[in-house]
Amino acid sequence: MSNRKKELLRSIKFTLFSISAGIVQILSYTLLFELLHLEEWLCNLISLALSVLWNFTLNRKYTFQSANNVPIAMLQTAAFYVVFAPLSSWWTNALTNIGWNAYLVEFGTMCVNFVTEFLFQRFVVFRKSLDTAPVGKKKE
């Protein structure tokens, strides 16, 4: 398979898994916000963590097909979120405090997360270990 087709397929897989992670995120956000009445920034933080675990697991195995050391890859992903989570919590709090709809802010945050996480995982976390897992080798 050509590199171009491989990368297109990788992008499609990442998108589909990210949609599923988005469902995890929005459902958990809604439960925390509507049922437990937690602050928006805290709902964002908890739902983001759940989404990241889901997304990382699926994308490592099926999208990037990496045999990379899982703890190291998870630490690199965690490092991304050490920056992203506080920033997204900050802008969630700031924007909802000036009257923006919490769900609109959450959706925008998810879009920013989608793009930046793909780039970070593709070009940092899994850069040297793409298609090294047994499932990736079967195709070649």
Protein backbone atom coordinates (compact mmCIF):
# COMPACT_ATOMS: atom_id res chain seq x y z
CA MET A 1 0.00 0.00 0.00
CA SER A 2 1.36 3.44 -0.89
CA ASN A 3 2.34 5.82 1.89
CA ARG A 4 -0.32 8.27 0.79
CA LYS A 5 -3.09 5.66 1.06
CA LYS A 6 -1.68 4.43 4.37
CA GLU A 7 -1.77 7.94 5.83
CA LEU A 8 -5.29 8.55 4.49
CA LEU A 9 -6.47 5.32 6.10
CA ARG A 10 -4.66 6.29 9.31
CA SER A 11 -6.44 9.67 9.31
CA ILE A 12 -9.83 8.04 8.74
CA LYS A 13 -9.26 5.57 11.58
CA PHE A 14 -8.13 8.35 13.90
CA THR A 15 -11.23 10.35 13.00
CA LEU A 16 -13.59 7.44 13.67
CA PHE A 17 -11.94 6.55 16.98
CA SER A 18 -11.93 10.22 17.94
CA ILE A 19 -15.67 10.39 17.23
CA SER A 20 -16.16 7.44 19.59
CA ALA A 21 -13.94 9.18 22.17
CA GLY A 22 -15.99 12.34 21.64
CA ILE A 23 -19.12 10.35 22.47
CA VAL A 24 -17.44 9.11 25.66
CA GLN A 25 -16.44 12.68 26.46
CA ILE A 26 -19.78 14.34 25.82
CA LEU A 27 -21.78 11.62 27.62
CA SER A 28 -19.54 11.77 30.68
CA TYR A 29 -19.53 15.59 30.55
CA THR A 30 -23.33 15.65 30.38
CA LEU A 31 -23.71 13.22 33.28
CA LEU A 32 -21.28 15.19 35.44
CA PHE A 33 -22.77 18.56 34.50
CA GLU A 34 -26.49 17.76 34.49
CA LEU A 35 -26.74 15.08 37.18
CA LEU A 36 -23.93 15.93 39.58
CA HIS A 37 -23.97 19.69 38.89
CA LEU A 38 -20.19 19.97 38.90
CA GLU A 39 -18.47 23.11 37.62
CA GLU A 40 -17.96 23.23 33.85
CA TRP A 41 -14.15 23.20 34.09
CA LEU A 42 -14.21 20.10 36.32
CA CYS A 43 -16.65 18.31 34.00
CA ASN A 44 -14.31 19.16 31.13
CA LEU A 45 -11.28 17.81 32.97
CA ILE A 46 -12.86 14.50 34.03
CA SER A 47 -14.56 13.84 30.70
CA LEU A 48 -11.33 14.69 28.88
CA ALA A 49 -9.38 12.14 30.95
CA LEU A 50 -11.91 9.40 30.18
CA SER A 51 -11.86 10.29 26.51
CA VAL A 52 -8.05 10.30 26.36
CA LEU A 53 -7.78 6.82 27.87
CA TRP A 54 -10.32 5.47 25.39
CA ASN A 55 -8.76 7.23 22.39
CA PHE A 56 -5.16 6.39 23.26
CA THR A 57 -5.92 2.69 23.66
CA LEU A 58 -7.75 2.34 20.35
CA ASN A 59 -5.43 4.54 18.32
CA ARG A 60 -2.21 2.94 19.59
CA LYS A 61 -3.44 -0.50 18.60
CA TYR A 62 -5.45 0.12 15.42
CA THR A 63 -4.53 3.50 13.93
CA PHE A 64 -0.81 3.74 14.57
CA GLN A 65 -0.36 -0.02 15.11
CA SER A 66 2.51 0.65 17.44
CA ALA A 67 4.54 -1.87 19.38
CA ASN A 68 6.06 1.09 21.21
CA ASN A 69 6.59 0.82 24.95
CA VAL A 70 3.08 1.54 26.27
CA PRO A 71 4.12 3.31 29.51
CA ILE A 72 6.46 5.62 27.58
CA ALA A 73 3.83 6.35 24.92
CA MET A 74 1.26 7.01 27.65
CA LEU A 75 3.68 9.35 29.46
CA GLN A 76 4.27 11.27 26.24
CA THR A 77 0.51 11.55 25.73
CA ALA A 78 0.13 12.61 29.37
CA ALA A 79 2.75 15.32 28.76
CA PHE A 80 0.58 16.67 25.94
CA TYR A 81 -2.35 16.84 28.34
CA VAL A 82 -0.27 18.49 31.07
CA VAL A 83 -0.37 21.46 28.71
CA PHE A 84 -3.75 20.95 27.02
CA ALA A 85 -5.89 20.12 30.08
CA PRO A 86 -5.10 23.26 32.11
CA LEU A 87 -5.43 25.45 29.02
CA SER A 88 -8.77 23.93 28.04
CA SER A 89 -10.02 24.13 31.64
CA TRP A 90 -8.95 27.77 31.76
CA TRP A 91 -10.66 28.77 28.51
CA THR A 92 -13.74 26.71 29.41
CA ASN A 93 -14.04 28.62 32.67
CA ALA A 94 -13.29 31.99 31.05
CA LEU A 95 -15.71 31.56 28.15
CA THR A 96 -18.59 30.15 30.20
CA ASN A 97 -18.13 32.97 32.75
CA ILE A 98 -18.71 35.56 30.01
CA GLY A 99 -21.88 33.78 28.92
CA TRP A 100 -20.82 31.32 26.25
CA ASN A 101 -22.86 28.13 26.13
CA ALA A 102 -21.01 25.34 27.98
CA TYR A 103 -21.77 22.79 25.26
CA LEU A 104 -20.53 25.13 22.50
CA VAL A 105 -17.28 25.62 24.42
CA GLU A 106 -16.98 21.85 24.97
CA PHE A 107 -17.50 21.17 21.25
CA GLY A 108 -14.90 23.76 20.26
CA THR A 109 -12.46 22.30 22.78
CA MET A 110 -13.04 18.83 21.35
CA CYS A 111 -12.25 20.11 17.83
CA VAL A 112 -9.01 21.74 18.97
CA ASN A 113 -8.12 18.56 20.85
CA PHE A 114 -8.82 16.38 17.80
CA VAL A 115 -6.41 18.23 15.53
CA THR A 116 -3.61 18.82 18.03
CA GLU A 117 -3.75 15.29 19.46
CA PHE A 118 -3.53 13.69 16.02
CA LEU A 119 -0.50 15.78 15.12
CA PHE A 120 1.19 15.10 18.46
CA GLN A 121 0.57 11.36 18.40
CA ARG A 122 1.47 10.93 14.73
CA PHE A 123 4.63 13.04 14.74
CA VAL A 124 5.85 12.70 18.34
CA VAL A 125 4.48 9.70 20.25
CA PHE A 126 4.31 7.11 17.46
CA ARG A 127 6.67 8.74 14.94
CA LYS A 128 9.31 5.99 15.12
CA SER A 129 6.99 3.04 15.84
CA LEU A 130 4.29 3.28 13.16
CA ASP A 131 3.07 -0.11 11.96
CA THR A 132 5.42 -2.09 14.23
CA ALA A 133 2.75 -4.10 16.06
CA PRO A 134 1.95 -7.60 14.76
CA VAL A 135 -1.42 -6.41 13.43
CA GLY A 136 0.43 -3.86 11.27
CA LYS A 137 2.92 -6.38 9.95
CA LYS A 138 0.22 -8.78 8.75
CA LYS A 139 -0.91 -6.30 6.10
CA GLU A 140 2.49 -6.04 4.43
